[in-house]
PDB file of all heavy atoms in Angstrom:
ATOM      1  N   ARG A   1      38.366  70.104  97.164  1.00  0.00           N
ATOM      2  CA  ARG A   1      37.483  71.206  97.543  1.00  0.00           C
ATOM      3  C   ARG A   1      37.180  72.079  96.322  1.00  0.00           C
ATOM      4  O   ARG A   1      36.059  72.577  96.175  1.00  0.00           O
ATOM      5  CB  ARG A   1      38.119  72.038  98.649  1.00  0.00           C
ATOM      6  CG  ARG A   1      37.252  73.204  99.103  1.00  0.00           C
ATOM      7  CD  ARG A   1      37.681  73.728 100.449  1.00  0.00           C
ATOM      8  NE  ARG A   1      37.440  72.755 101.508  1.00  0.00           N
ATOM      9  CZ  ARG A   1      37.608  73.011 102.800  1.00  0.00           C
ATOM     10  NH1 ARG A   1      38.037  74.217 103.178  1.00  0.00           N
ATOM     11  NH2 ARG A   1      37.368  72.103 103.700  1.00  0.00           N
ATOM     12  N   GLY A   2      38.168  72.266  95.463  1.00  0.00           N
ATOM     13  CA  GLY A   2      37.928  73.002  94.223  1.00  0.00           C
ATOM     14  C   GLY A   2      36.934  72.290  93.323  1.00  0.00           C
ATOM     15  O   GLY A   2      36.065  72.918  92.706  1.00  0.00           O
ATOM     16  N   LEU A   3      37.044  70.949  93.247  1.00  0.00           N
ATOM     17  CA  LEU A   3      36.085  70.178  92.455  1.00  0.00           C
ATOM     18  C   LEU A   3      34.677  70.333  93.017  1.00  0.00           C
ATOM     19  O   LEU A   3      33.705  70.508  92.263  1.00  0.00           O
ATOM     20  CB  LEU A   3      36.495  68.704  92.442  1.00  0.00           C
ATOM     21  CG  LEU A   3      35.542  67.755  91.712  1.00  0.00           C
ATOM     22  CD1 LEU A   3      35.433  68.119  90.240  1.00  0.00           C
ATOM     23  CD2 LEU A   3      36.003  66.305  91.866  1.00  0.00           C
ATOM     24  N   ALA A   4      34.558  70.283  94.335  1.00  0.00           N
ATOM     25  CA  ALA A   4      33.250  70.463  94.961  1.00  0.00           C
ATOM     26  C   ALA A   4      32.682  71.850  94.669  1.00  0.00           C
ATOM     27  O   ALA A   4      31.479  72.011  94.436  1.00  0.00           O
ATOM     28  CB  ALA A   4      33.363  70.237  96.463  1.00  0.00           C
ATOM     29  N   ALA A   5      33.553  72.864  94.674  1.00  0.00           N
ATOM     30  CA  ALA A   5      33.100  74.220  94.368  1.00  0.00           C
ATOM     31  C   ALA A   5      32.605  74.319  92.935  1.00  0.00           C
ATOM     32  O   ALA A   5      31.604  74.992  92.650  1.00  0.00           O
ATOM     33  CB  ALA A   5      34.226  75.222  94.622  1.00  0.00           C
ATOM     34  N   LEU A   6      33.287  73.659  91.999  1.00  0.00           N
ATOM     35  CA  LEU A   6      32.854  73.672  90.600  1.00  0.00           C
ATOM     36  C   LEU A   6      31.504  72.977  90.441  1.00  0.00           C
ATOM     37  O   LEU A   6      30.645  73.428  89.682  1.00  0.00           O
ATOM     38  CB  LEU A   6      33.906  73.002  89.721  1.00  0.00           C
ATOM     39  CG  LEU A   6      35.235  73.751  89.587  1.00  0.00           C
ATOM     40  CD1 LEU A   6      36.245  72.901  88.830  1.00  0.00           C
ATOM     41  CD2 LEU A   6      35.034  75.085  88.868  1.00  0.00           C
ATOM     42  N   VAL A   7      31.322  71.877  91.161  1.00  0.00           N
ATOM     43  CA  VAL A   7      30.028  71.184  91.123  1.00  0.00           C
ATOM     44  C   VAL A   7      28.935  72.094  91.691  1.00  0.00           C
ATOM     45  O   VAL A   7      27.823  72.176  91.154  1.00  0.00           O
ATOM     46  CB  VAL A   7      30.096  69.857  91.906  1.00  0.00           C
ATOM     47  CG1 VAL A   7      28.715  69.225  92.009  1.00  0.00           C
ATOM     48  CG2 VAL A   7      31.065  68.894  91.233  1.00  0.00           C
ATOM     49  N   GLY A   8      29.249  72.802  92.772  1.00  0.00           N
ATOM     50  CA  GLY A   8      28.290  73.748  93.340  1.00  0.00           C
ATOM     51  C   GLY A   8      27.952  74.866  92.375  1.00  0.00           C
ATOM     52  O   GLY A   8      26.792  75.293  92.281  1.00  0.00           O
ATOM     53  N   LEU A   9      28.950  75.345  91.630  1.00  0.00           N
ATOM     54  CA  LEU A   9      28.705  76.394  90.639  1.00  0.00           C
ATOM     55  C   LEU A   9      27.767  75.895  89.546  1.00  0.00           C
ATOM     56  O   LEU A   9      26.837  76.606  89.128  1.00  0.00           O
ATOM     57  CB  LEU A   9      30.039  76.849  90.038  1.00  0.00           C
ATOM     58  CG  LEU A   9      29.977  77.971  88.996  1.00  0.00           C
ATOM     59  CD1 LEU A   9      29.431  79.246  89.617  1.00  0.00           C
ATOM     60  CD2 LEU A   9      31.362  78.216  88.407  1.00  0.00           C
ATOM     61  N   ALA A  10      27.993  74.661  89.092  1.00  0.00           N
ATOM     62  CA  ALA A  10      27.107  74.080  88.080  1.00  0.00           C
ATOM     63  C   ALA A  10      25.688  73.940  88.629  1.00  0.00           C
ATOM     64  O   ALA A  10      24.701  74.209  87.926  1.00  0.00           O
ATOM     65  CB  ALA A  10      27.654  72.725  87.636  1.00  0.00           C
ATOM     66  N   ALA A  11      25.565  73.522  89.893  1.00  0.00           N
ATOM     67  CA  ALA A  11      24.244  73.389  90.507  1.00  0.00           C
ATOM     68  C   ALA A  11      23.554  74.750  90.615  1.00  0.00           C
ATOM     69  O   ALA A  11      22.334  74.855  90.425  1.00  0.00           O
ATOM     70  CB  ALA A  11      24.377  72.751  91.890  1.00  0.00           C
ATOM     71  N   ALA A  12      24.321  75.799  90.916  1.00  0.00           N
ATOM     72  CA  ALA A  12      23.738  77.141  91.014  1.00  0.00           C
ATOM     73  C   ALA A  12      23.156  77.585  89.679  1.00  0.00           C
ATOM     74  O   ALA A  12      22.038  78.122  89.613  1.00  0.00           O
ATOM     75  CB  ALA A  12      24.799  78.134  91.492  1.00  0.00           C
ATOM     76  N   PHE A  13      23.896  77.352  88.603  1.00  0.00           N
ATOM     77  CA  PHE A  13      23.387  77.738  87.283  1.00  0.00           C
ATOM     78  C   PHE A  13      22.185  76.891  86.891  1.00  0.00           C
ATOM     79  O   PHE A  13      21.290  77.356  86.177  1.00  0.00           O
ATOM     80  CB  PHE A  13      24.495  77.638  86.235  1.00  0.00           C
ATOM     81  CG  PHE A  13      25.369  78.860  86.190  1.00  0.00           C
ATOM     82  CD1 PHE A  13      26.586  78.902  86.842  1.00  0.00           C
ATOM     83  CD2 PHE A  13      24.953  79.999  85.523  1.00  0.00           C
ATOM     84  CE1 PHE A  13      27.378  80.026  86.824  1.00  0.00           C
ATOM     85  CE2 PHE A  13      25.732  81.140  85.482  1.00  0.00           C
ATOM     86  CZ  PHE A  13      26.951  81.162  86.132  1.00  0.00           C
ATOM     87  N   ALA A  14      22.139  75.654  87.358  1.00  0.00           N
ATOM     88  CA  ALA A  14      20.957  74.824  87.118  1.00  0.00           C
ATOM     89  C   ALA A  14      19.736  75.427  87.800  1.00  0.00           C
ATOM     90  O   ALA A  14      18.621  75.406  87.248  1.00  0.00           O
ATOM     91  CB  ALA A  14      21.210  73.400  87.611  1.00  0.00           C
ATOM     92  N   VAL A  15      19.914  75.978  89.006  1.00  0.00           N
ATOM     93  CA  VAL A  15      18.813  76.651  89.702  1.00  0.00           C
ATOM     94  C   VAL A  15      18.368  77.890  88.930  1.00  0.00           C
ATOM     95  O   VAL A  15      17.167  78.147  88.763  1.00  0.00           O
ATOM     96  CB  VAL A  15      19.229  77.020  91.141  1.00  0.00           C
ATOM     97  CG1 VAL A  15      18.147  77.866  91.822  1.00  0.00           C
ATOM     98  CG2 VAL A  15      19.500  75.772  91.964  1.00  0.00           C
ATOM     99  N   PHE A  16      19.333  78.673  88.444  1.00  0.00           N
ATOM    100  CA  PHE A  16      18.996  79.872  87.673  1.00  0.00           C
ATOM    101  C   PHE A  16      18.160  79.518  86.436  1.00  0.00           C
ATOM    102  O   PHE A  16      17.118  80.114  86.176  1.00  0.00           O
ATOM    103  CB  PHE A  16      20.259  80.614  87.240  1.00  0.00           C
ATOM    104  CG  PHE A  16      21.068  81.172  88.377  1.00  0.00           C
ATOM    105  CD1 PHE A  16      22.441  81.314  88.267  1.00  0.00           C
ATOM    106  CD2 PHE A  16      20.465  81.554  89.559  1.00  0.00           C
ATOM    107  CE1 PHE A  16      23.198  81.819  89.308  1.00  0.00           C
ATOM    108  CE2 PHE A  16      21.206  82.065  90.618  1.00  0.00           C
ATOM    109  CZ  PHE A  16      22.576  82.199  90.483  1.00  0.00           C
ATOM    110  N   VAL A  17      18.659  78.558  85.667  1.00  0.00           N
ATOM    111  CA  VAL A  17      18.021  78.213  84.393  1.00  0.00           C
ATOM    112  C   VAL A  17      16.709  77.464  84.615  1.00  0.00           C
ATOM    113  O   VAL A  17      15.723  77.679  83.901  1.00  0.00           O
ATOM    114  CB  VAL A  17      18.987  77.375  83.519  1.00  0.00           C
ATOM    115  CG1 VAL A  17      18.295  76.902  82.250  1.00  0.00           C
ATOM    116  CG2 VAL A  17      20.221  78.201  83.168  1.00  0.00           C
ATOM    117  N   GLY A  18      16.689  76.564  85.608  1.00  0.00           N
ATOM    118  CA  GLY A  18      15.510  75.740  85.809  1.00  0.00           C
ATOM    119  C   GLY A  18      14.390  76.404  86.584  1.00  0.00           C
ATOM    120  O   GLY A  18      13.217  76.072  86.392  1.00  0.00           O
ATOM    121  N   PHE A  19      14.756  77.358  87.482  1.00  0.00           N
ATOM    122  CA  PHE A  19      13.722  77.973  88.322  1.00  0.00           C
ATOM    123  C   PHE A  19      13.664  79.495  88.194  1.00  0.00           C
ATOM    124  O   PHE A  19      12.610  80.057  87.882  1.00  0.00           O
ATOM    125  CB  PHE A  19      13.957  77.592  89.782  1.00  0.00           C
ATOM    126  CG  PHE A  19      13.161  78.417  90.753  1.00  0.00           C
ATOM    127  CD1 PHE A  19      11.781  78.262  90.843  1.00  0.00           C
ATOM    128  CD2 PHE A  19      13.781  79.368  91.561  1.00  0.00           C
ATOM    129  CE1 PHE A  19      11.027  79.046  91.729  1.00  0.00           C
ATOM    130  CE2 PHE A  19      13.041  80.138  92.445  1.00  0.00           C
ATOM    131  CZ  PHE A  19      11.664  79.981  92.524  1.00  0.00           C
ATOM    132  N   THR A  20      14.787  80.172  88.422  1.00  0.00           N
ATOM    133  CA  THR A  20      14.769  81.630  88.536  1.00  0.00           C
ATOM    134  C   THR A  20      14.272  82.313  87.268  1.00  0.00           C
ATOM    135  O   THR A  20      13.345  83.144  87.312  1.00  0.00           O
ATOM    136  CB  THR A  20      16.178  82.144  88.886  1.00  0.00           C
ATOM    137  OG1 THR A  20      16.696  81.418  90.001  1.00  0.00           O
ATOM    138  CG2 THR A  20      16.127  83.622  89.219  1.00  0.00           C
ATOM    139  N   PHE A  21      14.885  81.994  86.135  1.00  0.00           N
ATOM    140  CA  PHE A  21      14.506  82.659  84.886  1.00  0.00           C
ATOM    141  C   PHE A  21      13.052  82.376  84.501  1.00  0.00           C
ATOM    142  O   PHE A  21      12.299  83.313  84.196  1.00  0.00           O
ATOM    143  CB  PHE A  21      15.451  82.248  83.754  1.00  0.00           C
ATOM    144  CG  PHE A  21      16.894  82.601  84.012  1.00  0.00           C
ATOM    145  CD1 PHE A  21      17.914  81.991  83.291  1.00  0.00           C
ATOM    146  CD2 PHE A  21      17.247  83.535  84.969  1.00  0.00           C
ATOM    147  CE1 PHE A  21      19.243  82.304  83.517  1.00  0.00           C
ATOM    148  CE2 PHE A  21      18.575  83.864  85.213  1.00  0.00           C
ATOM    149  CZ  PHE A  21      19.575  83.239  84.480  1.00  0.00           C
ATOM    150  N   PRO A  22      12.612  81.106  84.493  1.00  0.00           N
ATOM    151  CA  PRO A  22      11.196  80.861  84.166  1.00  0.00           C
ATOM    152  C   PRO A  22      10.231  81.531  85.135  1.00  0.00           C
ATOM    153  O   PRO A  22       9.170  82.041  84.717  1.00  0.00           O
ATOM    154  CB  PRO A  22      11.078  79.328  84.223  1.00  0.00           C
ATOM    155  CG  PRO A  22      12.459  78.821  84.006  1.00  0.00           C
ATOM    156  CD  PRO A  22      13.349  79.841  84.652  1.00  0.00           C
ATOM    157  N   ALA A  23      10.550  81.536  86.431  1.00  0.00           N
ATOM    158  CA  ALA A  23       9.649  82.141  87.411  1.00  0.00           C
ATOM    159  C   ALA A  23       9.509  83.645  87.183  1.00  0.00           C
ATOM    160  O   ALA A  23       8.401  84.196  87.249  1.00  0.00           O
ATOM    161  CB  ALA A  23      10.149  81.859  88.823  1.00  0.00           C
ATOM    162  N   LEU A  24      10.616  84.329  86.911  1.00  0.00           N
ATOM    163  CA  LEU A  24      10.550  85.769  86.652  1.00  0.00           C
ATOM    164  C   LEU A  24       9.782  86.063  85.365  1.00  0.00           C
ATOM    165  O   LEU A  24       8.988  87.008  85.299  1.00  0.00           O
ATOM    166  CB  LEU A  24      11.966  86.353  86.573  1.00  0.00           C
ATOM    167  CG  LEU A  24      12.757  86.387  87.888  1.00  0.00           C
ATOM    168  CD1 LEU A  24      14.179  86.850  87.633  1.00  0.00           C
ATOM    169  CD2 LEU A  24      12.083  87.285  88.919  1.00  0.00           C
ATOM    170  N   LEU A  25      10.019  85.273  84.325  1.00  0.00           N
ATOM    171  CA  LEU A  25       9.329  85.483  83.054  1.00  0.00           C
ATOM    172  C   LEU A  25       7.838  85.195  83.173  1.00  0.00           C
ATOM    173  O   LEU A  25       7.022  85.759  82.440  1.00  0.00           O
ATOM    174  CB  LEU A  25       9.945  84.599  81.970  1.00  0.00           C
ATOM    175  CG  LEU A  25      11.358  84.982  81.528  1.00  0.00           C
ATOM    176  CD1 LEU A  25      11.938  83.930  80.601  1.00  0.00           C
ATOM    177  CD2 LEU A  25      11.340  86.347  80.823  1.00  0.00           C
ATOM    178  N   ALA A  26       7.477  84.302  84.095  1.00  0.00           N
ATOM    179  CA  ALA A  26       6.065  83.981  84.298  1.00  0.00           C
ATOM    180  C   ALA A  26       5.361  84.999  85.176  1.00  0.00           C
ATOM    181  O   ALA A  26       4.150  84.904  85.387  1.00  0.00           O
ATOM    182  CB  ALA A  26       5.934  82.588  84.901  1.00  0.00           C
ATOM    183  N   GLY A  27       6.087  85.976  85.700  1.00  0.00           N
ATOM    184  CA  GLY A  27       5.483  87.020  86.521  1.00  0.00           C
ATOM    185  C   GLY A  27       5.316  86.657  87.974  1.00  0.00           C
ATOM    186  O   GLY A  27       4.532  87.304  88.687  1.00  0.00           O
ATOM    187  N   GLU A  28       6.064  85.663  88.478  1.00  0.00           N
ATOM    188  CA  GLU A  28       5.995  85.319  89.895  1.00  0.00           C
ATOM    189  C   GLU A  28       6.615  86.445  90.735  1.00  0.00           C
ATOM    190  O   GLU A  28       7.366  87.272  90.223  1.00  0.00           O
ATOM    191  CB  GLU A  28       6.734  84.005  90.167  1.00  0.00           C
ATOM    192  CG  GLU A  28       6.170  82.799  89.437  1.00  0.00           C
ATOM    193  CD  GLU A  28       4.807  82.377  89.960  1.00  0.00           C
ATOM    194  OE1 GLU A  28       4.405  82.864  91.043  1.00  0.00           O
ATOM    195  OE2 GLU A  28       4.136  81.584  89.284  1.00  0.00           O
ATOM    196  N   ASP A  29       6.272  86.469  92.020  1.00  0.00           N
ATOM    197  CA  ASP A  29       6.766  87.515  92.913  1.00  0.00           C
ATOM    198  C   ASP A  29       8.297  87.553  92.915  1.00  0.00           C
ATOM    199  O   ASP A  29       8.953  86.577  93.283  1.00  0.00           O
ATOM    200  CB  ASP A  29       6.262  87.269  94.332  1.00  0.00           C
ATOM    201  CG  ASP A  29       6.751  88.320  95.308  1.00  0.00           C
ATOM    202  OD1 ASP A  29       6.326  89.478  95.207  1.00  0.00           O
ATOM    203  OD2 ASP A  29       7.585  87.974  96.162  1.00  0.00           O
ATOM    204  N   ALA A  30       8.845  88.674  92.481  1.00  0.00           N
ATOM    205  CA  ALA A  30      10.297  88.773  92.287  1.00  0.00           C
ATOM    206  C   ALA A  30      11.058  88.691  93.604  1.00  0.00           C
ATOM    207  O   ALA A  30      12.137  88.081  93.663  1.00  0.00           O
ATOM    208  CB  ALA A  30      10.650  90.068  91.556  1.00  0.00           C
ATOM    209  N   MET A  31      10.527  89.274  94.665  1.00  0.00           N
ATOM    210  CA  MET A  31      11.205  89.201  95.958  1.00  0.00           C
ATOM    211  C   MET A  31      11.269  87.763  96.444  1.00  0.00           C
ATOM    212  O   MET A  31      12.309  87.292  96.917  1.00  0.00           O
ATOM    213  CB  MET A  31      10.463  90.064  96.981  1.00  0.00           C
ATOM    214  CG  MET A  31      10.984  89.919  98.411  1.00  0.00           C
ATOM    215  SD  MET A  31      12.603  90.654  98.640  1.00  0.00           S
ATOM    216  CE  MET A  31      12.115  92.356  98.983  1.00  0.00           C
ATOM    217  N   GLY A  32      10.164  87.048  96.333  1.00  0.00           N
ATOM    218  CA  GLY A  32      10.159  85.640  96.724  1.00  0.00           C
ATOM    219  C   GLY A  32      11.118  84.817  95.889  1.00  0.00           C
ATOM    220  O   GLY A  32      11.850  83.971  96.408  1.00  0.00           O
ATOM    221  N   VAL A  33      11.144  85.072  94.586  1.00  0.00           N
ATOM    222  CA  VAL A  33      12.060  84.344  93.700  1.00  0.00           C
ATOM    223  C   VAL A  33      13.506  84.616  94.091  1.00  0.00           C
ATOM    224  O   VAL A  33      14.341  83.707  94.118  1.00  0.00           O
ATOM    225  CB  VAL A  33      11.806  84.730  92.223  1.00  0.00           C
ATOM    226  CG1 VAL A  33      12.879  84.135  91.315  1.00  0.00           C
ATOM    227  CG2 VAL A  33      10.431  84.259  91.776  1.00  0.00           C
ATOM    228  N   ALA A  34      13.822  85.866  94.404  1.00  0.00           N
ATOM    229  CA  ALA A  34      15.191  86.223  94.780  1.00  0.00           C
ATOM    230  C   ALA A  34      15.614  85.510  96.059  1.00  0.00           C
ATOM    231  O   ALA A  34      16.720  84.946  96.135  1.00  0.00           O
ATOM    232  CB  ALA A  34      15.310  87.736  94.951  1.00  0.00           C
ATOM    233  N   LEU A  35      14.755  85.535  97.081  1.00  0.00           N
ATOM    234  CA  LEU A  35      15.116  84.920  98.355  1.00  0.00           C
ATOM    235  C   LEU A  35      15.194  83.397  98.238  1.00  0.00           C
ATOM    236  O   LEU A  35      16.115  82.771  98.795  1.00  0.00           O
ATOM    237  CB  LEU A  35      14.102  85.314  99.423  1.00  0.00           C
ATOM    238  CG  LEU A  35      14.114  86.793  99.840  1.00  0.00           C
ATOM    239  CD1 LEU A  35      12.995  87.086 100.823  1.00  0.00           C
ATOM    240  CD2 LEU A  35      15.466  87.170 100.442  1.00  0.00           C
ATOM    241  N   VAL A  36      14.258  82.788  97.539  1.00  0.00           N
ATOM    242  CA  VAL A  36      14.285  81.334  97.376  1.00  0.00           C
ATOM    243  C   VAL A  36      15.501  80.915  96.565  1.00  0.00           C
ATOM    244  O   VAL A  36      16.186  79.933  96.901  1.00  0.00           O
ATOM    245  CB  VAL A  36      12.980  80.847  96.712  1.00  0.00           C
ATOM    246  CG1 VAL A  36      13.093  79.382  96.316  1.00  0.00           C
ATOM    247  CG2 VAL A  36      11.805  81.038  97.650  1.00  0.00           C
ATOM    248  N   THR A  37      15.795  81.644  95.499  1.00  0.00           N
ATOM    249  CA  THR A  37      16.965  81.313  94.672  1.00  0.00           C
ATOM    250  C   THR A  37      18.243  81.413  95.481  1.00  0.00           C
ATOM    251  O   THR A  37      19.073  80.495  95.464  1.00  0.00           O
ATOM    252  CB  THR A  37      17.041  82.254  93.463  1.00  0.00           C
ATOM    253  OG1 THR A  37      15.891  82.082  92.638  1.00  0.00           O
ATOM    254  CG2 THR A  37      18.291  81.966  92.634  1.00  0.00           C
ATOM    255  N   SER A  38      18.420  82.526  96.177  1.00  0.00           N
ATOM    256  CA  SER A  38      19.671  82.731  96.922  1.00  0.00           C
ATOM    257  C   SER A  38      19.814  81.703  98.037  1.00  0.00           C
ATOM    258  O   SER A  38      20.909  81.179  98.277  1.00  0.00           O
ATOM    259  CB  SER A  38      19.725  84.149  97.482  1.00  0.00           C
ATOM    260  OG  SER A  38      18.580  84.433  98.272  1.00  0.00           O
ATOM    261  N   ALA A  39      18.723  81.376  98.731  1.00  0.00           N
ATOM    262  CA  ALA A  39      18.795  80.387  99.803  1.00  0.00           C
ATOM    263  C   ALA A  39      19.127  79.014  99.237  1.00  0.00           C
ATOM    264  O   ALA A  39      19.962  78.284  99.795  1.00  0.00           O
ATOM    265  CB  ALA A  39      17.474  80.346 100.572  1.00  0.00           C
ATOM    266  N   ALA A  40      18.472  78.631  98.149  1.00  0.00           N
ATOM    267  CA  ALA A  40      18.732  77.324  97.547  1.00  0.00           C
ATOM    268  C   ALA A  40      20.173  77.216  97.064  1.00  0.00           C
ATOM    269  O   ALA A  40      20.849  76.196  97.288  1.00  0.00           O
ATOM    270  CB  ALA A  40      17.766  77.088  96.385  1.00  0.00           C
ATOM    271  N   VAL A  41      20.666  78.260  96.432  1.00  0.00           N
ATOM    272  CA  VAL A  41      22.036  78.236  95.920  1.00  0.00           C
ATOM    273  C   VAL A  41      23.044  78.157  97.063  1.00  0.00           C
ATOM    274  O   VAL A  41      24.006  77.381  97.023  1.00  0.00           O
ATOM    275  CB  VAL A  41      22.291  79.474  95.039  1.00  0.00           C
ATOM    276  CG1 VAL A  41      23.779  79.616  94.726  1.00  0.00           C
ATOM    277  CG2 VAL A  41      21.501  79.378  93.745  1.00  0.00           C
ATOM    278  N   MET A  42      22.832  78.957  98.096  1.00  0.00           N
ATOM    279  CA  MET A  42      23.772  78.951  99.219  1.00  0.00           C
ATOM    280  C   MET A  42      23.777  77.617  99.954  1.00  0.00           C
ATOM    281  O   MET A  42      24.828  77.139 100.390  1.00  0.00           O
ATOM    282  CB  MET A  42      23.435  80.079 100.184  1.00  0.00           C
ATOM    283  CG  MET A  42      23.779  81.476  99.688  1.00  0.00           C
ATOM    284  SD  MET A  42      25.563  81.710  99.434  1.00  0.00           S
ATOM    285  CE  MET A  42      25.703  81.464  97.660  1.00  0.00           C
ATOM    286  N   LEU A  43      22.603  76.999 100.121  1.00  0.00           N
ATOM    287  CA  LEU A  43      22.548  75.693 100.773  1.00  0.00           C
ATOM    288  C   LEU A  43      23.383  74.665 100.020  1.00  0.00           C
ATOM    289  O   LEU A  43      24.092  73.853 100.621  1.00  0.00           O
ATOM    290  CB  LEU A  43      21.093  75.226 100.867  1.00  0.00           C
ATOM    291  CG  LEU A  43      20.245  75.854 101.975  1.00  0.00           C
ATOM    292  CD1 LEU A  43      18.767  75.564 101.757  1.00  0.00           C
ATOM    293  CD2 LEU A  43      20.685  75.327 103.337  1.00  0.00           C
TER     294      LEU A  43
END
């Protein structure tokens, strides 16, 4: 279960780097980015 949690943590940072940061820098709607990021990470 700890290994799975570490894999999930790596996946979360992949979402941040691959989607969240570029979307915010590109001027996309910040509220939408926040909700989509948090939902994707939690799933």
